[in-house]
Amino acid sequence: MATEPAAKASRWSLGAGVAVLLAVLAGGVWLNRPHGDQNPGAAAVAGEIGGPFTLTAANGKPFGLGDLGGKPFAIYFGFTRCPDVCPTTLSRLAALRKALGPAADKFAIVFVSVDPGHDNPQAVGEYVKLFNTPIFGVTGSEAQLAPVEKAYGVYVAKVPQPGGDYTIDHSAAILLMDPTAHLVDAITHDEPQASALDKLRRLVS
């Protein structure tokens, strides 16, 4: 069970990590920044968010776009020790996938652990099994993760905890990518389920 400081940090990350997705469909910019930060992060044209990546799957082998079978995909960045936001989000994705019915097989779900200090590939693979839906669980070294986080506009920051440990503050949005790994849309943490499902239907249509 998470310590109280860790739980507080994770609750804060719920707001701090949510991506601000305004005017994406109109060709605007995507600003990804911590909640309350008056200096917005680097702005990127929506079409420039995403791209190919190579990380490590649970079996220890390299994992990239080729492993997704040419499907569009939903990608979420988090960590296995996350006490609330990550399990809630992955459970939500599982429910959304089920709600799609036969169309569910037309997209993939990728969970990227941004905590290589605690999450090895095998641990991530075991974690995603808890959600009873097909999820690719992957991670990598800090050197491997950093360019992927940057390319996908993901906010990640270690938050020190008493005793020398840490938790992680991270973006809480689910990114919806086309088969070439370019951003199509995103689902924010507080978005109504009906709206989220509509976005997934458009992704697989």
N, C-alpha and C. Protein backbone atom coordinates (compact mmCIF):
# COMPACT_ATOMS: atom_id res chain seq x y z
N MET A 1 0.86 -1.20 0.00
CA MET A 1 0.00 0.00 0.00
C MET A 1 0.89 1.24 0.00
N ALA A 2 0.46 2.27 -0.73
CA ALA A 2 1.27 3.48 -0.83
C ALA A 2 1.29 4.21 0.50
N THR A 3 2.43 4.83 0.80
CA THR A 3 2.48 5.68 1.98
C THR A 3 1.66 6.92 1.73
N GLU A 4 1.31 7.62 2.81
CA GLU A 4 0.49 8.83 2.65
C GLU A 4 1.18 9.87 1.79
N PRO A 5 2.50 10.14 1.96
CA PRO A 5 3.15 11.10 1.07
C PRO A 5 3.08 10.68 -0.38
N ALA A 6 3.26 9.38 -0.63
CA ALA A 6 3.21 8.92 -2.02
C ALA A 6 1.82 9.08 -2.59
N ALA A 7 0.81 8.77 -1.79
CA ALA A 7 -0.56 8.92 -2.25
C ALA A 7 -0.87 10.37 -2.56
N LYS A 8 -0.39 11.28 -1.69
CA LYS A 8 -0.63 12.70 -1.94
C LYS A 8 0.04 13.14 -3.23
N ALA A 9 1.25 12.65 -3.47
CA ALA A 9 1.96 13.02 -4.69
C ALA A 9 1.22 12.53 -5.92
N SER A 10 0.67 11.30 -5.83
CA SER A 10 -0.05 10.76 -6.96
C SER A 10 -1.33 11.52 -7.21
N ARG A 11 -2.04 11.91 -6.13
CA ARG A 11 -3.25 12.70 -6.33
C ARG A 11 -2.92 14.02 -6.98
N TRP A 12 -1.76 14.61 -6.59
CA TRP A 12 -1.36 15.87 -7.22
C TRP A 12 -1.05 15.66 -8.69
N SER A 13 -0.47 14.49 -9.03
CA SER A 13 -0.11 14.24 -10.41
C SER A 13 -1.33 14.12 -11.30
N LEU A 14 -2.48 13.78 -10.71
CA LEU A 14 -3.71 13.71 -11.47
C LEU A 14 -3.97 15.03 -12.18
N GLY A 15 -3.72 16.14 -11.49
CA GLY A 15 -3.89 17.43 -12.14
C GLY A 15 -2.64 17.85 -12.87
N ALA A 16 -1.49 17.57 -12.30
CA ALA A 16 -0.24 18.07 -12.87
C ALA A 16 0.07 17.43 -14.19
N GLY A 17 -0.35 16.18 -14.38
CA GLY A 17 0.06 15.50 -15.60
C GLY A 17 -0.94 15.56 -16.72
N VAL A 18 -2.13 16.09 -16.48
CA VAL A 18 -3.14 16.06 -17.53
C VAL A 18 -2.72 16.97 -18.69
N ALA A 19 -2.73 16.40 -19.88
CA ALA A 19 -2.37 17.17 -21.07
C ALA A 19 -3.44 18.19 -21.39
N VAL A 20 -3.04 19.37 -21.84
CA VAL A 20 -3.97 20.40 -22.27
C VAL A 20 -4.09 20.28 -23.77
N LEU A 21 -5.22 19.78 -24.24
CA LEU A 21 -5.39 19.50 -25.66
C LEU A 21 -6.44 20.45 -26.23
N LEU A 22 -5.98 21.59 -26.69
CA LEU A 22 -6.87 22.60 -27.24
C LEU A 22 -6.55 22.83 -28.70
N ALA A 23 -7.55 22.84 -29.52
CA ALA A 23 -7.44 23.14 -30.95
C ALA A 23 -6.59 22.14 -31.71
N VAL A 24 -6.45 20.92 -31.20
CA VAL A 24 -5.68 19.91 -31.92
C VAL A 24 -6.32 19.60 -33.26
N LEU A 25 -7.62 19.38 -33.25
CA LEU A 25 -8.29 18.99 -34.48
C LEU A 25 -8.32 20.13 -35.49
N ALA A 26 -8.12 21.35 -35.01
CA ALA A 26 -8.09 22.49 -35.91
C ALA A 26 -6.68 22.81 -36.35
N GLY A 27 -5.74 21.93 -36.02
CA GLY A 27 -4.37 22.17 -36.42
C GLY A 27 -3.63 23.10 -35.49
N GLY A 28 -4.14 23.23 -34.26
CA GLY A 28 -3.48 24.11 -33.31
C GLY A 28 -2.33 23.43 -32.62
N VAL A 29 -2.03 23.87 -31.41
CA VAL A 29 -0.89 23.33 -30.70
C VAL A 29 -1.35 22.56 -29.49
N TRP A 30 -0.47 21.72 -29.00
CA TRP A 30 -0.73 20.93 -27.80
C TRP A 30 0.24 21.39 -26.74
N LEU A 31 -0.29 21.82 -25.63
CA LEU A 31 0.57 22.26 -24.53
C LEU A 31 0.48 21.24 -23.43
N ASN A 32 1.62 20.71 -23.05
CA ASN A 32 1.67 19.72 -21.97
C ASN A 32 2.49 20.32 -20.85
N ARG A 33 1.88 20.62 -19.71
CA ARG A 33 2.59 21.30 -18.64
C ARG A 33 1.97 20.92 -17.31
N PRO A 34 2.73 21.07 -16.24
CA PRO A 34 2.16 20.81 -14.91
C PRO A 34 1.04 21.78 -14.60
N HIS A 35 0.05 21.30 -13.85
CA HIS A 35 -1.06 22.14 -13.43
C HIS A 35 -0.54 23.30 -12.60
N GLY A 36 -0.97 24.51 -12.92
CA GLY A 36 -0.58 25.67 -12.15
C GLY A 36 0.74 26.29 -12.58
N ASP A 37 1.44 25.66 -13.52
CA ASP A 37 2.70 26.21 -14.01
C ASP A 37 2.37 27.36 -14.95
N GLN A 38 2.88 28.52 -14.66
CA GLN A 38 2.57 29.68 -15.48
C GLN A 38 3.41 29.76 -16.73
N ASN A 39 4.41 28.89 -16.83
CA ASN A 39 5.25 28.87 -18.02
C ASN A 39 4.96 27.60 -18.81
N PRO A 40 4.16 27.69 -19.88
CA PRO A 40 3.80 26.48 -20.61
C PRO A 40 5.03 25.79 -21.17
N GLY A 41 4.92 24.47 -21.29
CA GLY A 41 6.01 23.68 -21.85
C GLY A 41 6.11 23.91 -23.35
N ALA A 42 6.99 23.15 -23.96
CA ALA A 42 7.21 23.31 -25.40
C ALA A 42 5.93 22.98 -26.16
N ALA A 43 5.54 23.88 -27.03
CA ALA A 43 4.36 23.66 -27.85
C ALA A 43 4.74 22.88 -29.09
N ALA A 44 3.88 22.00 -29.54
CA ALA A 44 4.16 21.20 -30.72
C ALA A 44 2.93 21.14 -31.60
N VAL A 45 3.11 21.18 -32.89
CA VAL A 45 2.01 20.97 -33.81
C VAL A 45 1.55 19.54 -33.62
N ALA A 46 0.24 19.33 -33.61
CA ALA A 46 -0.30 18.02 -33.28
C ALA A 46 0.32 16.92 -34.13
N GLY A 47 0.54 17.17 -35.41
CA GLY A 47 1.10 16.16 -36.30
C GLY A 47 2.51 15.77 -35.96
N GLU A 48 3.19 16.57 -35.13
CA GLU A 48 4.56 16.27 -34.77
C GLU A 48 4.66 15.48 -33.47
N ILE A 49 3.55 15.25 -32.81
CA ILE A 49 3.55 14.49 -31.56
C ILE A 49 3.49 13.01 -31.88
N GLY A 50 4.41 12.24 -31.30
CA GLY A 50 4.44 10.81 -31.54
C GLY A 50 5.65 10.41 -32.36
N GLY A 51 5.52 9.32 -33.05
CA GLY A 51 6.60 8.83 -33.88
C GLY A 51 7.05 7.43 -33.48
N PRO A 52 7.91 6.82 -34.30
CA PRO A 52 8.40 5.47 -34.00
C PRO A 52 9.18 5.44 -32.68
N PHE A 53 9.20 4.29 -32.05
CA PHE A 53 9.96 4.14 -30.81
C PHE A 53 10.41 2.70 -30.69
N THR A 54 11.44 2.49 -29.90
CA THR A 54 11.88 1.13 -29.58
C THR A 54 12.10 1.05 -28.08
N LEU A 55 11.29 0.22 -27.42
CA LEU A 55 11.43 -0.01 -26.00
C LEU A 55 11.56 -1.52 -25.77
N THR A 56 11.32 -2.00 -24.56
CA THR A 56 11.52 -3.42 -24.28
C THR A 56 10.23 -4.04 -23.77
N ALA A 57 9.84 -5.17 -24.38
CA ALA A 57 8.63 -5.88 -23.99
C ALA A 57 8.91 -6.79 -22.79
N ALA A 58 7.85 -7.39 -22.28
CA ALA A 58 7.96 -8.25 -21.10
C ALA A 58 8.89 -9.44 -21.32
N ASN A 59 8.99 -9.89 -22.57
CA ASN A 59 9.86 -11.03 -22.89
C ASN A 59 11.31 -10.63 -23.08
N GLY A 60 11.61 -9.35 -22.86
CA GLY A 60 12.97 -8.87 -22.98
C GLY A 60 13.38 -8.49 -24.39
N LYS A 61 12.47 -8.63 -25.34
CA LYS A 61 12.79 -8.31 -26.73
C LYS A 61 12.39 -6.87 -27.06
N PRO A 62 13.06 -6.28 -28.07
CA PRO A 62 12.69 -4.92 -28.48
C PRO A 62 11.24 -4.87 -28.93
N PHE A 63 10.59 -3.75 -28.63
CA PHE A 63 9.18 -3.56 -28.99
C PHE A 63 9.04 -2.21 -29.67
N GLY A 64 8.36 -2.23 -30.83
CA GLY A 64 8.15 -0.98 -31.56
C GLY A 64 6.85 -1.03 -32.35
N LEU A 65 6.69 -0.10 -33.28
CA LEU A 65 5.45 -0.01 -34.05
C LEU A 65 5.15 -1.29 -34.81
N GLY A 66 6.18 -1.97 -35.26
CA GLY A 66 5.97 -3.19 -36.01
C GLY A 66 5.26 -4.27 -35.24
N ASP A 67 5.29 -4.17 -33.92
CA ASP A 67 4.63 -5.16 -33.08
C ASP A 67 3.15 -4.88 -32.89
N LEU A 68 2.68 -3.76 -33.42
CA LEU A 68 1.27 -3.39 -33.27
C LEU A 68 0.42 -3.80 -34.46
N GLY A 69 1.03 -4.45 -35.43
CA GLY A 69 0.28 -4.99 -36.56
C GLY A 69 -0.39 -3.95 -37.43
N GLY A 70 0.18 -2.74 -37.49
CA GLY A 70 -0.39 -1.71 -38.34
C GLY A 70 -1.68 -1.10 -37.80
N LYS A 71 -1.97 -1.33 -36.53
CA LYS A 71 -3.20 -0.81 -35.94
C LYS A 71 -2.98 0.57 -35.33
N PRO A 72 -4.03 1.39 -35.26
CA PRO A 72 -3.94 2.59 -34.41
C PRO A 72 -3.84 2.12 -32.96
N PHE A 73 -3.41 3.02 -32.08
CA PHE A 73 -3.23 2.57 -30.71
C PHE A 73 -3.45 3.68 -29.70
N ALA A 74 -3.82 3.26 -28.50
CA ALA A 74 -3.91 4.16 -27.36
C ALA A 74 -2.67 3.91 -26.51
N ILE A 75 -1.96 4.97 -26.14
CA ILE A 75 -0.74 4.81 -25.37
C ILE A 75 -0.83 5.64 -24.09
N TYR A 76 -0.41 5.03 -23.00
CA TYR A 76 -0.48 5.69 -21.70
C TYR A 76 0.84 5.49 -20.97
N PHE A 77 1.35 6.55 -20.40
CA PHE A 77 2.62 6.53 -19.68
C PHE A 77 2.36 6.60 -18.19
N GLY A 78 2.94 5.68 -17.43
CA GLY A 78 2.73 5.66 -15.99
C GLY A 78 3.77 4.79 -15.31
N PHE A 79 3.40 4.16 -14.18
CA PHE A 79 4.33 3.27 -13.48
C PHE A 79 3.54 2.32 -12.59
N THR A 80 4.10 1.16 -12.32
CA THR A 80 3.32 0.12 -11.66
C THR A 80 3.03 0.40 -10.20
N ARG A 81 3.81 1.25 -9.54
CA ARG A 81 3.57 1.57 -8.13
C ARG A 81 2.56 2.70 -7.96
N CYS A 82 2.10 3.27 -9.04
CA CYS A 82 1.13 4.37 -9.01
C CYS A 82 -0.12 3.88 -8.26
N PRO A 83 -0.51 4.53 -7.16
CA PRO A 83 -1.58 4.01 -6.33
C PRO A 83 -2.99 4.26 -6.84
N ASP A 84 -3.19 5.22 -7.74
CA ASP A 84 -4.57 5.50 -8.13
C ASP A 84 -4.75 5.84 -9.61
N VAL A 85 -4.04 6.82 -10.13
CA VAL A 85 -4.30 7.29 -11.49
C VAL A 85 -4.05 6.22 -12.53
N CYS A 86 -2.93 5.53 -12.44
CA CYS A 86 -2.59 4.52 -13.46
C CYS A 86 -3.55 3.34 -13.47
N PRO A 87 -3.80 2.70 -12.33
CA PRO A 87 -4.75 1.59 -12.38
C PRO A 87 -6.16 2.01 -12.79
N THR A 88 -6.55 3.22 -12.38
CA THR A 88 -7.87 3.72 -12.78
C THR A 88 -7.93 3.90 -14.29
N THR A 89 -6.87 4.45 -14.87
CA THR A 89 -6.85 4.71 -16.31
C THR A 89 -6.81 3.42 -17.11
N LEU A 90 -5.99 2.46 -16.69
CA LEU A 90 -5.93 1.20 -17.42
C LEU A 90 -7.22 0.42 -17.29
N SER A 91 -7.86 0.48 -16.14
CA SER A 91 -9.18 -0.15 -15.97
C SER A 91 -10.20 0.52 -16.89
N ARG A 92 -10.07 1.83 -17.02
CA ARG A 92 -10.98 2.56 -17.90
C ARG A 92 -10.77 2.14 -19.35
N LEU A 93 -9.53 1.99 -19.76
CA LEU A 93 -9.25 1.55 -21.13
C LEU A 93 -9.81 0.16 -21.38
N ALA A 94 -9.69 -0.70 -20.39
CA ALA A 94 -10.24 -2.05 -20.53
C ALA A 94 -11.76 -1.99 -20.72
N ALA A 95 -12.43 -1.13 -19.96
CA ALA A 95 -13.88 -0.99 -20.08
C ALA A 95 -14.27 -0.40 -21.43
N LEU A 96 -13.50 0.57 -21.89
CA LEU A 96 -13.77 1.18 -23.19
C LEU A 96 -13.57 0.16 -24.31
N ARG A 97 -12.54 -0.63 -24.19
CA ARG A 97 -12.27 -1.65 -25.21
C ARG A 97 -13.45 -2.63 -25.27
N LYS A 98 -13.95 -3.04 -24.12
CA LYS A 98 -15.08 -3.95 -24.09
C LYS A 98 -16.31 -3.31 -24.71
N ALA A 99 -16.51 -2.02 -24.44
CA ALA A 99 -17.68 -1.31 -24.95
C ALA A 99 -17.66 -1.18 -26.47
N LEU A 100 -16.48 -1.26 -27.07
CA LEU A 100 -16.39 -1.17 -28.53
C LEU A 100 -16.92 -2.41 -29.22
N GLY A 101 -17.05 -3.50 -28.50
CA GLY A 101 -17.55 -4.73 -29.10
C GLY A 101 -16.57 -5.28 -30.12
N PRO A 102 -17.06 -5.76 -31.28
CA PRO A 102 -16.20 -6.36 -32.28
C PRO A 102 -15.09 -5.43 -32.78
N ALA A 103 -15.31 -4.12 -32.70
CA ALA A 103 -14.31 -3.16 -33.17
C ALA A 103 -13.11 -3.07 -32.24
N ALA A 104 -13.20 -3.69 -31.08
CA ALA A 104 -12.12 -3.60 -30.10
C ALA A 104 -10.79 -4.11 -30.64
N ASP A 105 -10.84 -5.10 -31.52
CA ASP A 105 -9.62 -5.68 -32.05
C ASP A 105 -8.94 -4.80 -33.09
N LYS A 106 -9.57 -3.67 -33.40
CA LYS A 106 -9.01 -2.78 -34.43
C LYS A 106 -8.00 -1.79 -33.87
N PHE A 107 -7.80 -1.78 -32.55
CA PHE A 107 -6.78 -0.90 -31.99
C PHE A 107 -6.04 -1.62 -30.89
N ALA A 108 -4.85 -1.12 -30.58
CA ALA A 108 -4.00 -1.72 -29.54
C ALA A 108 -3.87 -0.75 -28.37
N ILE A 109 -3.53 -1.29 -27.23
CA ILE A 109 -3.27 -0.49 -26.03
C ILE A 109 -1.83 -0.72 -25.61
N VAL A 110 -1.11 0.38 -25.38
CA VAL A 110 0.29 0.30 -24.96
C VAL A 110 0.44 1.05 -23.64
N PHE A 111 1.00 0.36 -22.65
CA PHE A 111 1.33 1.00 -21.37
C PHE A 111 2.85 1.08 -21.26
N VAL A 112 3.35 2.30 -21.09
CA VAL A 112 4.79 2.52 -20.97
C VAL A 112 5.13 2.90 -19.54
N SER A 113 5.92 2.09 -18.86
CA SER A 113 6.36 2.46 -17.52
C SER A 113 7.52 3.45 -17.65
N VAL A 114 7.39 4.56 -16.94
CA VAL A 114 8.44 5.59 -16.94
C VAL A 114 9.28 5.51 -15.67
N ASP A 115 9.25 4.33 -15.04
CA ASP A 115 9.98 4.13 -13.78
C ASP A 115 10.93 2.93 -13.90
N PRO A 116 11.97 3.04 -14.71
CA PRO A 116 12.87 1.90 -14.87
C PRO A 116 13.62 1.55 -13.60
N GLY A 117 13.66 2.47 -12.63
CA GLY A 117 14.32 2.19 -11.37
C GLY A 117 13.62 1.11 -10.56
N HIS A 118 12.30 0.94 -10.78
CA HIS A 118 11.54 -0.08 -10.06
C HIS A 118 10.88 -1.09 -10.99
N ASP A 119 10.60 -0.69 -12.23
CA ASP A 119 9.83 -1.54 -13.14
C ASP A 119 10.72 -2.13 -14.23
N ASN A 120 11.04 -3.42 -14.10
CA ASN A 120 11.73 -4.07 -15.22
C ASN A 120 10.68 -4.57 -16.20
N PRO A 121 11.07 -4.95 -17.40
CA PRO A 121 10.08 -5.36 -18.42
C PRO A 121 9.15 -6.47 -17.95
N GLN A 122 9.69 -7.47 -17.25
CA GLN A 122 8.85 -8.57 -16.79
C GLN A 122 7.79 -8.08 -15.81
N ALA A 123 8.17 -7.19 -14.90
CA ALA A 123 7.22 -6.66 -13.92
C ALA A 123 6.11 -5.88 -14.61
N VAL A 124 6.45 -5.12 -15.64
CA VAL A 124 5.43 -4.37 -16.37
C VAL A 124 4.47 -5.33 -17.08
N GLY A 125 5.05 -6.40 -17.64
CA GLY A 125 4.21 -7.40 -18.30
C GLY A 125 3.23 -8.06 -17.35
N GLU A 126 3.68 -8.35 -16.13
CA GLU A 126 2.79 -8.94 -15.14
C GLU A 126 1.73 -7.95 -14.68
N TYR A 127 2.10 -6.69 -14.58
CA TYR A 127 1.18 -5.65 -14.13
C TYR A 127 0.00 -5.50 -15.09
N VAL A 128 0.27 -5.44 -16.39
CA VAL A 128 -0.83 -5.21 -17.34
C VAL A 128 -1.79 -6.39 -17.41
N LYS A 129 -1.36 -7.58 -16.97
CA LYS A 129 -2.26 -8.73 -16.96
C LYS A 129 -3.41 -8.54 -15.98
N LEU A 130 -3.21 -7.67 -15.00
CA LEU A 130 -4.23 -7.46 -13.97
C LEU A 130 -5.51 -6.85 -14.53
N PHE A 131 -5.45 -6.28 -15.73
CA PHE A 131 -6.60 -5.53 -16.25
C PHE A 131 -7.45 -6.34 -17.23
N ASN A 132 -7.12 -7.60 -17.41
CA ASN A 132 -7.96 -8.53 -18.16
C ASN A 132 -8.37 -8.03 -19.54
N THR A 133 -7.43 -7.41 -20.22
CA THR A 133 -7.64 -7.00 -21.61
C THR A 133 -6.26 -6.95 -22.25
N PRO A 134 -6.16 -7.14 -23.56
CA PRO A 134 -4.84 -7.12 -24.19
C PRO A 134 -4.16 -5.75 -24.07
N ILE A 135 -3.06 -5.72 -23.35
CA ILE A 135 -2.27 -4.50 -23.21
C ILE A 135 -0.81 -4.86 -23.39
N PHE A 136 -0.12 -4.11 -24.22
CA PHE A 136 1.33 -4.28 -24.36
C PHE A 136 2.00 -3.46 -23.25
N GLY A 137 2.68 -4.13 -22.35
CA GLY A 137 3.41 -3.45 -21.29
C GLY A 137 4.88 -3.36 -21.64
N VAL A 138 5.42 -2.15 -21.71
CA VAL A 138 6.80 -1.97 -22.14
C VAL A 138 7.50 -0.94 -21.26
N THR A 139 8.80 -0.95 -21.29
CA THR A 139 9.59 0.07 -20.61
C THR A 139 10.97 0.11 -21.26
N GLY A 140 11.89 0.77 -20.61
CA GLY A 140 13.25 0.87 -21.14
C GLY A 140 14.12 1.57 -20.13
N SER A 141 15.36 1.77 -20.47
CA SER A 141 16.25 2.54 -19.61
C SER A 141 15.86 4.01 -19.66
N GLU A 142 16.38 4.80 -18.73
CA GLU A 142 16.09 6.24 -18.77
C GLU A 142 16.53 6.84 -20.09
N ALA A 143 17.66 6.37 -20.62
CA ALA A 143 18.16 6.89 -21.89
C ALA A 143 17.22 6.53 -23.04
N GLN A 144 16.57 5.37 -22.97
CA GLN A 144 15.62 4.97 -24.01
C GLN A 144 14.29 5.70 -23.86
N LEU A 145 13.86 5.89 -22.62
CA LEU A 145 12.56 6.51 -22.37
C LEU A 145 12.55 8.00 -22.67
N ALA A 146 13.64 8.69 -22.39
CA ALA A 146 13.67 10.15 -22.51
C ALA A 146 13.24 10.64 -23.89
N PRO A 147 13.78 10.12 -25.00
CA PRO A 147 13.35 10.62 -26.30
C PRO A 147 11.90 10.27 -26.64
N VAL A 148 11.40 9.15 -26.10
CA VAL A 148 10.01 8.78 -26.35
C VAL A 148 9.08 9.74 -25.60
N GLU A 149 9.43 10.01 -24.34
CA GLU A 149 8.64 10.97 -23.56
C GLU A 149 8.61 12.33 -24.24
N LYS A 150 9.75 12.75 -24.76
CA LYS A 150 9.82 14.05 -25.44
C LYS A 150 8.99 14.05 -26.71
N ALA A 151 9.12 12.99 -27.50
CA ALA A 151 8.40 12.91 -28.77
C ALA A 151 6.89 12.89 -28.57
N TYR A 152 6.45 12.28 -27.48
CA TYR A 152 5.02 12.17 -27.20
C TYR A 152 4.51 13.29 -26.29
N GLY A 153 5.36 14.26 -25.97
CA GLY A 153 4.95 15.40 -25.18
C GLY A 153 4.57 15.04 -23.76
N VAL A 154 5.20 14.02 -23.20
CA VAL A 154 4.82 13.51 -21.89
C VAL A 154 5.64 14.18 -20.79
N TYR A 155 4.95 14.62 -19.75
CA TYR A 155 5.59 15.22 -18.58
C TYR A 155 5.90 14.13 -17.58
N VAL A 156 7.16 14.02 -17.16
CA VAL A 156 7.60 13.03 -16.18
C VAL A 156 8.57 13.69 -15.22
N ALA A 157 8.33 13.54 -13.92
CA ALA A 157 9.25 14.11 -12.92
C ALA A 157 9.24 13.25 -11.67
N LYS A 158 10.44 12.94 -11.17
CA LYS A 158 10.55 12.20 -9.91
C LYS A 158 10.23 13.15 -8.75
N VAL A 159 9.47 12.64 -7.79
CA VAL A 159 9.11 13.40 -6.60
C VAL A 159 9.72 12.68 -5.40
N PRO A 160 10.75 13.26 -4.75
CA PRO A 160 11.40 12.59 -3.62
C PRO A 160 10.42 12.29 -2.49
N GLN A 161 10.64 11.16 -1.83
CA GLN A 161 9.83 10.74 -0.71
C GLN A 161 10.73 10.50 0.51
N PRO A 162 10.18 10.54 1.70
CA PRO A 162 10.97 10.27 2.90
C PRO A 162 11.66 8.90 2.81
N GLY A 163 12.87 8.83 3.30
CA GLY A 163 13.60 7.57 3.28
C GLY A 163 14.42 7.36 2.04
N GLY A 164 14.41 8.33 1.13
CA GLY A 164 15.24 8.24 -0.06
C GLY A 164 14.55 7.66 -1.27
N ASP A 165 13.30 7.23 -1.15
CA ASP A 165 12.58 6.70 -2.30
C ASP A 165 11.95 7.86 -3.07
N TYR A 166 11.16 7.56 -4.07
CA TYR A 166 10.51 8.59 -4.87
C TYR A 166 9.21 8.04 -5.45
N THR A 167 8.32 8.95 -5.82
CA THR A 167 7.19 8.60 -6.66
C THR A 167 7.39 9.38 -7.96
N ILE A 168 6.44 9.27 -8.87
CA ILE A 168 6.60 9.93 -10.17
C ILE A 168 5.34 10.72 -10.51
N ASP A 169 5.54 11.97 -10.85
CA ASP A 169 4.48 12.81 -11.37
C ASP A 169 4.54 12.70 -12.89
N HIS A 170 3.40 12.44 -13.52
CA HIS A 170 3.43 12.19 -14.97
C HIS A 170 2.11 12.61 -15.61
N SER A 171 2.15 12.75 -16.92
CA SER A 171 0.96 13.09 -17.67
C SER A 171 -0.12 12.03 -17.47
N ALA A 172 -1.36 12.46 -17.39
CA ALA A 172 -2.46 11.54 -17.13
C ALA A 172 -3.37 11.32 -18.33
N ALA A 173 -3.01 11.85 -19.48
CA ALA A 173 -3.86 11.70 -20.66
C ALA A 173 -3.56 10.40 -21.40
N ILE A 174 -4.58 9.83 -21.99
CA ILE A 174 -4.43 8.70 -22.91
C ILE A 174 -4.28 9.29 -24.31
N LEU A 175 -3.19 9.01 -24.97
CA LEU A 175 -2.95 9.53 -26.30
C LEU A 175 -3.44 8.54 -27.35
N LEU A 176 -4.19 9.02 -28.31
CA LEU A 176 -4.72 8.18 -29.38
C LEU A 176 -3.93 8.45 -30.65
N MET A 177 -3.28 7.41 -31.15
CA MET A 177 -2.34 7.54 -32.25
C MET A 177 -2.82 6.77 -33.48
N ASP A 178 -2.54 7.29 -34.66
CA ASP A 178 -2.86 6.55 -35.87
C ASP A 178 -1.81 5.45 -36.10
N PRO A 179 -1.97 4.62 -37.12
CA PRO A 179 -1.02 3.50 -37.31
C PRO A 179 0.42 3.93 -37.54
N THR A 180 0.62 5.19 -37.95
CA THR A 180 1.99 5.68 -38.15
C THR A 180 2.51 6.41 -36.92
N ALA A 181 1.78 6.29 -35.81
CA ALA A 181 2.17 6.87 -34.52
C ALA A 181 2.15 8.38 -34.50
N HIS A 182 1.16 8.97 -35.16
CA HIS A 182 0.94 10.41 -35.06
C HIS A 182 -0.33 10.66 -34.26
N LEU A 183 -0.30 11.70 -33.45
CA LEU A 183 -1.43 12.00 -32.57
C LEU A 183 -2.69 12.32 -33.36
N VAL A 184 -3.78 11.64 -32.98
CA VAL A 184 -5.09 11.89 -33.57
C VAL A 184 -5.97 12.65 -32.58
N ASP A 185 -5.93 12.22 -31.33
CA ASP A 185 -6.77 12.83 -30.30
C ASP A 185 -6.24 12.37 -28.94
N ALA A 186 -6.92 12.75 -27.88
CA ALA A 186 -6.52 12.32 -26.55
C ALA A 186 -7.74 12.26 -25.65
N ILE A 187 -7.65 11.42 -24.64
CA ILE A 187 -8.70 11.30 -23.64
C ILE A 187 -8.12 11.77 -22.33
N THR A 188 -8.70 12.81 -21.75
CA THR A 188 -8.21 13.31 -20.47
C THR A 188 -8.85 12.54 -19.33
N HIS A 189 -8.25 12.65 -18.16
CA HIS A 189 -8.65 11.82 -17.03
C HIS A 189 -10.11 12.07 -16.61
N ASP A 190 -10.56 13.31 -16.72
CA ASP A 190 -11.91 13.64 -16.25
C ASP A 190 -12.93 13.71 -17.38
N GLU A 191 -12.57 13.20 -18.55
CA GLU A 191 -13.48 13.25 -19.69
C GLU A 191 -14.61 12.24 -19.52
N PRO A 192 -15.85 12.62 -19.85
CA PRO A 192 -16.96 11.67 -19.75
C PRO A 192 -16.71 10.41 -20.59
N GLN A 193 -17.19 9.30 -20.08
CA GLN A 193 -16.95 8.02 -20.75
C GLN A 193 -17.55 7.99 -22.16
N ALA A 194 -18.70 8.61 -22.33
CA ALA A 194 -19.33 8.62 -23.65
C ALA A 194 -18.46 9.34 -24.67
N SER A 195 -17.87 10.45 -24.26
CA SER A 195 -16.99 11.20 -25.15
C SER A 195 -15.74 10.39 -25.48
N ALA A 196 -15.18 9.73 -24.47
CA ALA A 196 -14.00 8.90 -24.69
C ALA A 196 -14.29 7.77 -25.66
N LEU A 197 -15.45 7.15 -25.52
CA LEU A 197 -15.83 6.06 -26.41
C LEU A 197 -16.00 6.56 -27.84
N ASP A 198 -16.59 7.73 -28.01
CA ASP A 198 -16.74 8.31 -29.34
C ASP A 198 -15.38 8.52 -30.00
N LYS A 199 -14.40 8.95 -29.23
CA LYS A 199 -13.07 9.17 -29.77
C LYS A 199 -12.44 7.86 -30.23
N LEU A 200 -12.63 6.81 -29.45
CA LEU A 200 -12.10 5.51 -29.85
C LEU A 200 -12.80 4.98 -31.09
N ARG A 201 -14.09 5.21 -31.19
CA ARG A 201 -14.82 4.78 -32.38
C ARG A 201 -14.29 5.47 -33.63
N ARG A 202 -13.98 6.75 -33.49
CA ARG A 202 -13.41 7.47 -34.64
C ARG A 202 -12.01 6.95 -34.96
N LEU A 203 -11.27 6.58 -33.92
CA LEU A 203 -9.92 6.07 -34.14
C LEU A 203 -9.92 4.79 -34.96
N VAL A 204 -10.89 3.92 -34.71
CA VAL A 204 -10.90 2.62 -35.39
C VAL A 204 -11.77 2.60 -36.64
N SER A 205 -12.42 3.71 -36.94
CA SER A 205 -13.33 3.73 -38.10
C SER A 205 -12.56 3.83 -39.42
